[in-house]
């Protein structure tokens, strides 16, 4: 198994898994059962969506087509390139 997607939350992990399964790629969410132990584990990096080794290239294509590999957009500044702007 290879990690195809690292999720920040459970919703993103399942969104990626469903996108992969819709593309015909078997996927498994690792770390889902660790979320209840958040007091002793790091808050980020425990959720991973994994696929079989041979399906990794197709999985990346499917995730990119679903828009899951796009960089996040800043919700405050959006498309403004000037970081000197701040909301009023």
PDB file of N, CA and C in Angstrom:
ATOM      1  N   UNK A   1       0.848  -1.183   0.000  1.00  0.00           N
ATOM      2  CA  UNK A   1       0.000   0.000   0.000  1.00  0.00           C
ATOM      3  C   UNK A   1       0.892   1.245   0.000  1.00  0.00           C
ATOM      4  N   UNK A   2       0.448   2.242  -0.762  1.00  0.00           N
ATOM      5  CA  UNK A   2       1.143   3.520  -0.853  1.00  0.00           C
ATOM      6  C   UNK A   2       0.191   4.637  -0.438  1.00  0.00           C
ATOM      7  N   UNK A   3       0.732   5.671   0.171  1.00  0.00           N
ATOM      8  CA  UNK A   3      -0.082   6.821   0.575  1.00  0.00           C
ATOM      9  C   UNK A   3      -0.347   7.665  -0.662  1.00  0.00           C
ATOM     10  N   UNK A   4      -1.607   7.814  -1.001  1.00  0.00           N
ATOM     11  CA  UNK A   4      -2.000   8.632  -2.142  1.00  0.00           C
ATOM     12  C   UNK A   4      -2.424  10.022  -1.707  1.00  0.00           C
ATOM     13  N   UNK A   5      -2.898  10.153  -0.448  1.00  0.00           N
ATOM     14  CA  UNK A   5      -3.421  11.431   0.018  1.00  0.00           C
ATOM     15  C   UNK A   5      -3.288  11.504   1.532  1.00  0.00           C
ATOM     16  N   UNK A   6      -2.814  12.625   2.033  1.00  0.00           N
ATOM     17  CA  UNK A   6      -2.763  12.881   3.477  1.00  0.00           C
ATOM     18  C   UNK A   6      -3.841  13.910   3.789  1.00  0.00           C
ATOM     19  N   UNK A   7      -4.762  13.529   4.651  1.00  0.00           N
ATOM     20  CA  UNK A   7      -5.917  14.380   4.936  1.00  0.00           C
ATOM     21  C   UNK A   7      -5.742  15.120   6.252  1.00  0.00           C
ATOM     22  N   UNK A   8      -6.314  16.315   6.308  1.00  0.00           N
ATOM     23  CA  UNK A   8      -6.295  17.107   7.535  1.00  0.00           C
ATOM     24  C   UNK A   8      -7.462  16.780   8.446  1.00  0.00           C
ATOM     25  N   UNK A   9      -8.515  16.210   7.870  1.00  0.00           N
ATOM     26  CA  UNK A   9      -9.676  15.867   8.678  1.00  0.00           C
ATOM     27  C   UNK A   9     -10.378  14.664   8.051  1.00  0.00           C
ATOM     28  N   UNK A  10     -11.320  14.126   8.779  1.00  0.00           N
ATOM     29  CA  UNK A  10     -12.002  12.908   8.355  1.00  0.00           C
ATOM     30  C   UNK A  10     -12.840  13.127   7.099  1.00  0.00           C
ATOM     31  N   UNK A  11     -13.409  14.316   6.959  1.00  0.00           N
ATOM     32  CA  UNK A  11     -14.219  14.613   5.774  1.00  0.00           C
ATOM     33  C   UNK A  11     -13.367  14.549   4.504  1.00  0.00           C
ATOM     34  N   UNK A  12     -12.183  15.183   4.550  1.00  0.00           N
ATOM     35  CA  UNK A  12     -11.290  15.158   3.389  1.00  0.00           C
ATOM     36  C   UNK A  12     -10.830  13.743   3.071  1.00  0.00           C
ATOM     37  N   UNK A  13     -10.565  12.958   4.100  1.00  0.00           N
ATOM     38  CA  UNK A  13     -10.110  11.585   3.880  1.00  0.00           C
ATOM     39  C   UNK A  13     -11.171  10.771   3.150  1.00  0.00           C
ATOM     40  N   UNK A  14     -12.409  10.894   3.578  1.00  0.00           N
ATOM     41  CA  UNK A  14     -13.471  10.126   2.932  1.00  0.00           C
ATOM     42  C   UNK A  14     -13.829  10.690   1.560  1.00  0.00           C
ATOM     43  N   UNK A  15     -13.679  11.987   1.376  1.00  0.00           N
ATOM     44  CA  UNK A  15     -13.885  12.570   0.056  1.00  0.00           C
ATOM     45  C   UNK A  15     -12.870  12.010  -0.928  1.00  0.00           C
ATOM     46  N   UNK A  16     -11.610  11.905  -0.505  1.00  0.00           N
ATOM     47  CA  UNK A  16     -10.573  11.335  -1.361  1.00  0.00           C
ATOM     48  C   UNK A  16     -10.834   9.856  -1.616  1.00  0.00           C
ATOM     49  N   UNK A  17     -11.225   9.122  -0.595  1.00  0.00           N
ATOM     50  CA  UNK A  17     -11.501   7.693  -0.768  1.00  0.00           C
ATOM     51  C   UNK A  17     -12.626   7.470  -1.765  1.00  0.00           C
ATOM     52  N   UNK A  18     -13.686   8.260  -1.652  1.00  0.00           N
ATOM     53  CA  UNK A  18     -14.810   8.108  -2.578  1.00  0.00           C
ATOM     54  C   UNK A  18     -14.425   8.503  -3.999  1.00  0.00           C
ATOM     55  N   UNK A  19     -13.597   9.529  -4.155  1.00  0.00           N
ATOM     56  CA  UNK A  19     -13.140   9.919  -5.491  1.00  0.00           C
ATOM     57  C   UNK A  19     -12.322   8.799  -6.122  1.00  0.00           C
ATOM     58  N   UNK A  20     -11.487   8.146  -5.312  1.00  0.00           N
ATOM     59  CA  UNK A  20     -10.677   7.039  -5.826  1.00  0.00           C
ATOM     60  C   UNK A  20     -11.550   5.839  -6.168  1.00  0.00           C
ATOM     61  N   UNK A  21     -12.491   5.521  -5.315  1.00  0.00           N
ATOM     62  CA  UNK A  21     -13.361   4.371  -5.582  1.00  0.00           C
ATOM     63  C   UNK A  21     -14.259   4.620  -6.792  1.00  0.00           C
ATOM     64  N   UNK A  22     -14.674   5.865  -7.010  1.00  0.00           N
ATOM     65  CA  UNK A  22     -15.452   6.196  -8.207  1.00  0.00           C
ATOM     66  C   UNK A  22     -14.621   6.002  -9.472  1.00  0.00           C
ATOM     67  N   UNK A  23     -13.296   6.153  -9.350  1.00  0.00           N
ATOM     68  CA  UNK A  23     -12.396   5.939 -10.486  1.00  0.00           C
ATOM     69  C   UNK A  23     -12.011   4.470 -10.628  1.00  0.00           C
ATOM     70  N   UNK A  24     -12.553   3.606  -9.776  1.00  0.00           N
ATOM     71  CA  UNK A  24     -12.265   2.177  -9.856  1.00  0.00           C
ATOM     72  C   UNK A  24     -10.996   1.757  -9.146  1.00  0.00           C
ATOM     73  N   UNK A  25     -10.506   2.597  -8.238  1.00  0.00           N
ATOM     74  CA  UNK A  25      -9.272   2.309  -7.506  1.00  0.00           C
ATOM     75  C   UNK A  25      -9.631   1.972  -6.067  1.00  0.00           C
ATOM     76  N   UNK A  26      -9.245   0.787  -5.585  1.00  0.00           N
ATOM     77  CA  UNK A  26      -9.527   0.467  -4.182  1.00  0.00           C
ATOM     78  C   UNK A  26      -8.715   1.374  -3.257  1.00  0.00           C
ATOM     79  N   UNK A  27      -9.363   1.894  -2.225  1.00  0.00           N
ATOM     80  CA  UNK A  27      -8.699   2.821  -1.307  1.00  0.00           C
ATOM     81  C   UNK A  27      -9.100   2.496   0.124  1.00  0.00           C
ATOM     82  N   UNK A  28      -8.194   2.810   1.062  1.00  0.00           N
ATOM     83  CA  UNK A  28      -8.433   2.550   2.476  1.00  0.00           C
ATOM     84  C   UNK A  28      -7.960   3.751   3.277  1.00  0.00           C
ATOM     85  N   UNK A  29      -8.745   4.160   4.265  1.00  0.00           N
ATOM     86  CA  UNK A  29      -8.374   5.275   5.139  1.00  0.00           C
ATOM     87  C   UNK A  29      -7.686   4.703   6.372  1.00  0.00           C
ATOM     88  N   UNK A  30      -6.402   5.029   6.524  1.00  0.00           N
ATOM     89  CA  UNK A  30      -5.644   4.622   7.712  1.00  0.00           C
ATOM     90  C   UNK A  30      -5.663   5.750   8.730  1.00  0.00           C
ATOM     91  N   UNK A  31      -5.759   5.401   9.994  1.00  0.00           N
ATOM     92  CA  UNK A  31      -5.702   6.381  11.071  1.00  0.00           C
ATOM     93  C   UNK A  31      -7.049   6.862  11.548  1.00  0.00           C
ATOM     94  N   UNK A  32      -8.103   6.383  10.931  1.00  0.00           N
ATOM     95  CA  UNK A  32      -9.443   6.838  11.316  1.00  0.00           C
ATOM     96  C   UNK A  32      -9.757   6.466  12.760  1.00  0.00           C
ATOM     97  N   UNK A  33      -9.350   5.297  13.188  1.00  0.00           N
ATOM     98  CA  UNK A  33      -9.649   4.855  14.551  1.00  0.00           C
ATOM     99  C   UNK A  33      -8.765   5.534  15.596  1.00  0.00           C
ATOM    100  N   UNK A  34      -7.743   6.279  15.161  1.00  0.00           N
ATOM    101  CA  UNK A  34      -6.860   6.969  16.106  1.00  0.00           C
ATOM    102  C   UNK A  34      -7.375   8.338  16.508  1.00  0.00           C
ATOM    103  N   UNK A  35      -8.419   8.807  15.860  1.00  0.00           N
ATOM    104  CA  UNK A  35      -8.897  10.162  16.124  1.00  0.00           C
ATOM    105  C   UNK A  35      -9.411  10.334  17.548  1.00  0.00           C
ATOM    106  N   UNK A  36      -9.907   9.300  18.179  1.00  0.00           N
ATOM    107  CA  UNK A  36     -10.400   9.396  19.544  1.00  0.00           C
ATOM    108  C   UNK A  36      -9.302   9.547  20.572  1.00  0.00           C
ATOM    109  N   UNK A  37      -8.064   9.267  20.185  1.00  0.00           N
ATOM    110  CA  UNK A  37      -6.941   9.360  21.116  1.00  0.00           C
ATOM    111  C   UNK A  37      -6.159  10.645  20.906  1.00  0.00           C
ATOM    112  N   UNK A  38      -6.826  11.707  20.492  1.00  0.00           N
ATOM    113  CA  UNK A  38      -6.163  12.952  20.139  1.00  0.00           C
ATOM    114  C   UNK A  38      -5.327  13.561  21.246  1.00  0.00           C
ATOM    115  N   UNK A  39      -5.594  13.250  22.490  1.00  0.00           N
ATOM    116  CA  UNK A  39      -4.811  13.829  23.573  1.00  0.00           C
ATOM    117  C   UNK A  39      -3.386  13.327  23.620  1.00  0.00           C
ATOM    118  N   UNK A  40      -3.121  12.150  23.087  1.00  0.00           N
ATOM    119  CA  UNK A  40      -1.781  11.588  23.141  1.00  0.00           C
ATOM    120  C   UNK A  40      -1.106  11.494  21.780  1.00  0.00           C
ATOM    121  N   UNK A  41      -1.795  11.893  20.724  1.00  0.00           N
ATOM    122  CA  UNK A  41      -1.244  11.827  19.380  1.00  0.00           C
ATOM    123  C   UNK A  41      -1.148  13.222  18.792  1.00  0.00           C
ATOM    124  N   UNK A  42      -0.286  13.416  17.797  1.00  0.00           N
ATOM    125  CA  UNK A  42      -0.260  14.721  17.134  1.00  0.00           C
ATOM    126  C   UNK A  42      -1.604  14.999  16.475  1.00  0.00           C
ATOM    127  N   UNK A  43      -1.975  16.256  16.397  1.00  0.00           N
ATOM    128  CA  UNK A  43      -3.282  16.608  15.857  1.00  0.00           C
ATOM    129  C   UNK A  43      -3.371  16.396  14.357  1.00  0.00           C
ATOM    130  N   UNK A  44      -2.245  16.455  13.646  1.00  0.00           N
ATOM    131  CA  UNK A  44      -2.262  16.353  12.191  1.00  0.00           C
ATOM    132  C   UNK A  44      -1.382  15.191  11.743  1.00  0.00           C
ATOM    133  N   UNK A  45      -1.687  14.666  10.576  1.00  0.00           N
ATOM    134  CA  UNK A  45      -0.842  13.646   9.982  1.00  0.00           C
ATOM    135  C   UNK A  45      -1.237  12.222  10.279  1.00  0.00           C
ATOM    136  N   UNK A  46      -2.326  11.990  10.982  1.00  0.00           N
ATOM    137  CA  UNK A  46      -2.698  10.613  11.296  1.00  0.00           C
ATOM    138  C   UNK A  46      -3.605  10.005  10.229  1.00  0.00           C
ATOM    139  N   UNK A  47      -4.270  10.837   9.426  1.00  0.00           N
ATOM    140  CA  UNK A  47      -5.179  10.321   8.406  1.00  0.00           C
ATOM    141  C   UNK A  47      -4.468  10.218   7.061  1.00  0.00           C
ATOM    142  N   UNK A  48      -4.451   8.998   6.519  1.00  0.00           N
ATOM    143  CA  UNK A  48      -3.818   8.748   5.228  1.00  0.00           C
ATOM    144  C   UNK A  48      -4.756   7.893   4.391  1.00  0.00           C
ATOM    145  N   UNK A  49      -4.888   8.237   3.121  1.00  0.00           N
ATOM    146  CA  UNK A  49      -5.669   7.436   2.187  1.00  0.00           C
ATOM    147  C   UNK A  49      -4.657   6.659   1.345  1.00  0.00           C
ATOM    148  N   UNK A  50      -4.729   5.337   1.434  1.00  0.00           N
ATOM    149  CA  UNK A  50      -3.744   4.481   0.774  1.00  0.00           C
ATOM    150  C   UNK A  50      -4.390   3.660  -0.326  1.00  0.00           C
ATOM    151  N   UNK A  51      -3.579   3.354  -1.335  1.00  0.00           N
ATOM    152  CA  UNK A  51      -4.016   2.558  -2.481  1.00  0.00           C
ATOM    153  C   UNK A  51      -2.965   1.479  -2.733  1.00  0.00           C
ATOM    154  N   UNK A  52      -3.303   0.436  -3.502  1.00  0.00           N
ATOM    155  CA  UNK A  52      -2.294  -0.560  -3.860  1.00  0.00           C
ATOM    156  C   UNK A  52      -1.128   0.079  -4.626  1.00  0.00           C
ATOM    157  N   UNK A  53       0.048  -0.513  -4.501  1.00  0.00           N
ATOM    158  CA  UNK A  53       1.255   0.045  -5.110  1.00  0.00           C
ATOM    159  C   UNK A  53       1.085   0.335  -6.600  1.00  0.00           C
ATOM    160  N   UNK A  54       0.499  -0.591  -7.321  1.00  0.00           N
ATOM    161  CA  UNK A  54       0.401  -0.436  -8.774  1.00  0.00           C
ATOM    162  C   UNK A  54      -0.616   0.627  -9.184  1.00  0.00           C
ATOM    163  N   UNK A  55      -1.486   1.028  -8.282  1.00  0.00           N
ATOM    164  CA  UNK A  55      -2.537   1.999  -8.611  1.00  0.00           C
ATOM    165  C   UNK A  55      -2.164   3.427  -8.257  1.00  0.00           C
ATOM    166  N   UNK A  56      -0.967   3.666  -7.728  1.00  0.00           N
ATOM    167  CA  UNK A  56      -0.597   5.006  -7.274  1.00  0.00           C
ATOM    168  C   UNK A  56      -0.631   6.051  -8.396  1.00  0.00           C
ATOM    169  N   UNK A  57      -0.083   5.798  -9.586  1.00  0.00           N
ATOM    170  CA  UNK A  57      -0.165   6.829 -10.634  1.00  0.00           C
ATOM    171  C   UNK A  57      -1.609   7.167 -11.026  1.00  0.00           C
ATOM    172  N   UNK A  58      -2.457   6.161 -11.151  1.00  0.00           N
ATOM    173  CA  UNK A  58      -3.853   6.419 -11.487  1.00  0.00           C
ATOM    174  C   UNK A  58      -4.562   7.144 -10.344  1.00  0.00           C
ATOM    175  N   UNK A  59      -4.182   6.841  -9.103  1.00  0.00           N
ATOM    176  CA  UNK A  59      -4.790   7.497  -7.947  1.00  0.00           C
ATOM    177  C   UNK A  59      -4.452   8.982  -7.939  1.00  0.00           C
ATOM    178  N   UNK A  60      -3.229   9.321  -8.250  1.00  0.00           N
ATOM    179  CA  UNK A  60      -2.854  10.747  -8.279  1.00  0.00           C
ATOM    180  C   UNK A  60      -3.614  11.484  -9.373  1.00  0.00           C
ATOM    181  N   UNK A  61      -3.794  10.822 -10.522  1.00  0.00           N
ATOM    182  CA  UNK A  61      -4.569  11.436 -11.598  1.00  0.00           C
ATOM    183  C   UNK A  61      -6.020  11.646 -11.169  1.00  0.00           C
ATOM    184  N   UNK A  62      -6.602  10.662 -10.497  1.00  0.00           N
ATOM    185  CA  UNK A  62      -7.997  10.760 -10.057  1.00  0.00           C
ATOM    186  C   UNK A  62      -8.154  11.859  -9.001  1.00  0.00           C
ATOM    187  N   UNK A  63      -7.210  11.962  -8.079  1.00  0.00           N
ATOM    188  CA  UNK A  63      -7.279  12.999  -7.047  1.00  0.00           C
ATOM    189  C   UNK A  63      -7.091  14.386  -7.651  1.00  0.00           C
ATOM    190  N   UNK A  64      -6.202  14.495  -8.631  1.00  0.00           N
ATOM    191  CA  UNK A  64      -6.003  15.778  -9.298  1.00  0.00           C
ATOM    192  C   UNK A  64      -7.249  16.173 -10.074  1.00  0.00           C
ATOM    193  N   UNK A  65      -7.889  15.209 -10.748  1.00  0.00           N
ATOM    194  CA  UNK A  65      -9.112  15.495 -11.498  1.00  0.00           C
ATOM    195  C   UNK A  65     -10.239  15.932 -10.572  1.00  0.00           C
ATOM    196  N   UNK A  66     -10.244  15.417  -9.353  1.00  0.00           N
ATOM    197  CA  UNK A  66     -11.269  15.793  -8.377  1.00  0.00           C
ATOM    198  C   UNK A  66     -10.940  17.116  -7.686  1.00  0.00           C
ATOM    199  N   UNK A  67      -9.759  17.677  -7.948  1.00  0.00           N
ATOM    200  CA  UNK A  67      -9.366  18.950  -7.353  1.00  0.00           C
ATOM    201  C   UNK A  67      -8.837  18.834  -5.945  1.00  0.00           C
ATOM    202  N   UNK A  68      -8.524  17.629  -5.515  1.00  0.00           N
ATOM    203  CA  UNK A  68      -8.069  17.428  -4.136  1.00  0.00           C
ATOM    204  C   UNK A  68      -6.581  17.697  -3.954  1.00  0.00           C
ATOM    205  N   UNK A  69      -5.824  17.795  -5.026  1.00  0.00           N
ATOM    206  CA  UNK A  69      -4.392  18.066  -4.910  1.00  0.00           C
ATOM    207  C   UNK A  69      -4.065  19.531  -5.152  1.00  0.00           C
ATOM    208  N   UNK A  70      -5.097  20.359  -5.396  1.00  0.00           N
ATOM    209  CA  UNK A  70      -4.882  21.789  -5.590  1.00  0.00           C
ATOM    210  C   UNK A  70      -4.458  22.423  -4.276  1.00  0.00           C
ATOM    211  N   UNK A  71      -3.584  23.432  -4.323  1.00  0.00           N
ATOM    212  CA  UNK A  71      -3.216  24.106  -3.074  1.00  0.00           C
ATOM    213  C   UNK A  71      -4.424  24.823  -2.483  1.00  0.00           C
ATOM    214  N   UNK A  72      -4.496  24.911  -1.167  1.00  0.00           N
ATOM    215  CA  UNK A  72      -5.644  25.575  -0.547  1.00  0.00           C
ATOM    216  C   UNK A  72      -5.661  27.065  -0.863  1.00  0.00           C
ATOM    217  N   UNK A  73      -6.853  27.610  -0.953  1.00  0.00           N
ATOM    218  CA  UNK A  73      -7.028  29.039  -1.200  1.00  0.00           C
ATOM    219  C   UNK A  73      -7.222  29.723   0.139  1.00  0.00           C
ATOM    220  N   UNK A  74      -6.537  30.840   0.321  1.00  0.00           N
ATOM    221  CA  UNK A  74      -6.670  31.596   1.560  1.00  0.00           C
ATOM    222  C   UNK A  74      -8.085  32.155   1.641  1.00  0.00           C
ATOM    223  N   UNK A  75      -8.864  31.779   2.667  1.00  0.00           N
ATOM    224  CA  UNK A  75     -10.257  32.224   2.727  1.00  0.00           C
ATOM    225  C   UNK A  75     -10.424  33.718   2.976  1.00  0.00           C
ATOM    226  N   UNK A  76      -9.385  34.395   3.465  1.00  0.00           N
ATOM    227  CA  UNK A  76      -9.506  35.826   3.742  1.00  0.00           C
ATOM    228  C   UNK A  76      -9.096  36.648   2.527  1.00  0.00           C
ATOM    229  N   UNK A  77      -7.933  36.322   1.949  1.00  0.00           N
ATOM    230  CA  UNK A  77      -7.410  37.123   0.863  1.00  0.00           C
ATOM    231  C   UNK A  77      -7.820  36.610  -0.509  1.00  0.00           C
ATOM    232  N   UNK A  78      -8.188  35.337  -0.626  1.00  0.00           N
ATOM    233  CA  UNK A  78      -8.626  34.786  -1.899  1.00  0.00           C
ATOM    234  C   UNK A  78      -7.584  34.931  -2.980  1.00  0.00           C
ATOM    235  N   UNK A  79      -7.944  35.591  -4.082  1.00  0.00           N
ATOM    236  CA  UNK A  79      -7.019  35.693  -5.200  1.00  0.00           C
ATOM    237  C   UNK A  79      -6.098  36.902  -5.117  1.00  0.00           C
ATOM    238  N   UNK A  80      -6.204  37.722  -4.078  1.00  0.00           N
ATOM    239  CA  UNK A  80      -5.338  38.887  -3.955  1.00  0.00           C
ATOM    240  C   UNK A  80      -3.911  38.438  -3.679  1.00  0.00           C
ATOM    241  N   UNK A  81      -3.001  38.910  -4.510  1.00  0.00           N
ATOM    242  CA  UNK A  81      -1.607  38.497  -4.393  1.00  0.00           C
ATOM    243  C   UNK A  81      -0.838  39.328  -3.366  1.00  0.00           C
ATOM    244  N   UNK A  82      -1.317  40.518  -3.047  1.00  0.00           N
ATOM    245  CA  UNK A  82      -0.605  41.399  -2.137  1.00  0.00           C
ATOM    246  C   UNK A  82      -0.895  41.013  -0.690  1.00  0.00           C
ATOM    247  N   UNK A  83       0.090  40.434   0.016  1.00  0.00           N
ATOM    248  CA  UNK A  83      -0.171  40.032   1.403  1.00  0.00           C
ATOM    249  C   UNK A  83      -0.279  41.236   2.345  1.00  0.00           C
ATOM    250  N   UNK A  84      -0.002  42.451   1.845  1.00  0.00           N
ATOM    251  CA  UNK A  84      -0.113  43.636   2.684  1.00  0.00           C
ATOM    252  C   UNK A  84      -1.551  44.051   2.918  1.00  0.00           C
ATOM    253  N   UNK A  85      -2.469  43.536   2.112  1.00  0.00           N
ATOM    254  CA  UNK A  85      -3.884  43.863   2.310  1.00  0.00           C
ATOM    255  C   UNK A  85      -4.423  43.101   3.494  1.00  0.00           C
ATOM    256  N   UNK A  86      -5.218  43.746   4.290  1.00  0.00           N
ATOM    257  CA  UNK A  86      -5.845  43.059   5.405  1.00  0.00           C
ATOM    258  C   UNK A  86      -7.315  43.451   5.462  1.00  0.00           C
ATOM    259  N   UNK A  87      -8.152  42.539   5.951  1.00  0.00           N
ATOM    260  CA  UNK A  87      -9.574  42.860   6.026  1.00  0.00           C
ATOM    261  C   UNK A  87      -9.842  43.974   7.024  1.00  0.00           C
ATOM    262  N   UNK A  88     -10.852  44.742   6.774  1.00  0.00           N
ATOM    263  CA  UNK A  88     -11.189  45.868   7.658  1.00  0.00           C
ATOM    264  C   UNK A  88     -11.851  45.396   8.917  1.00  0.00           C
TER     265      UNK A  88
END
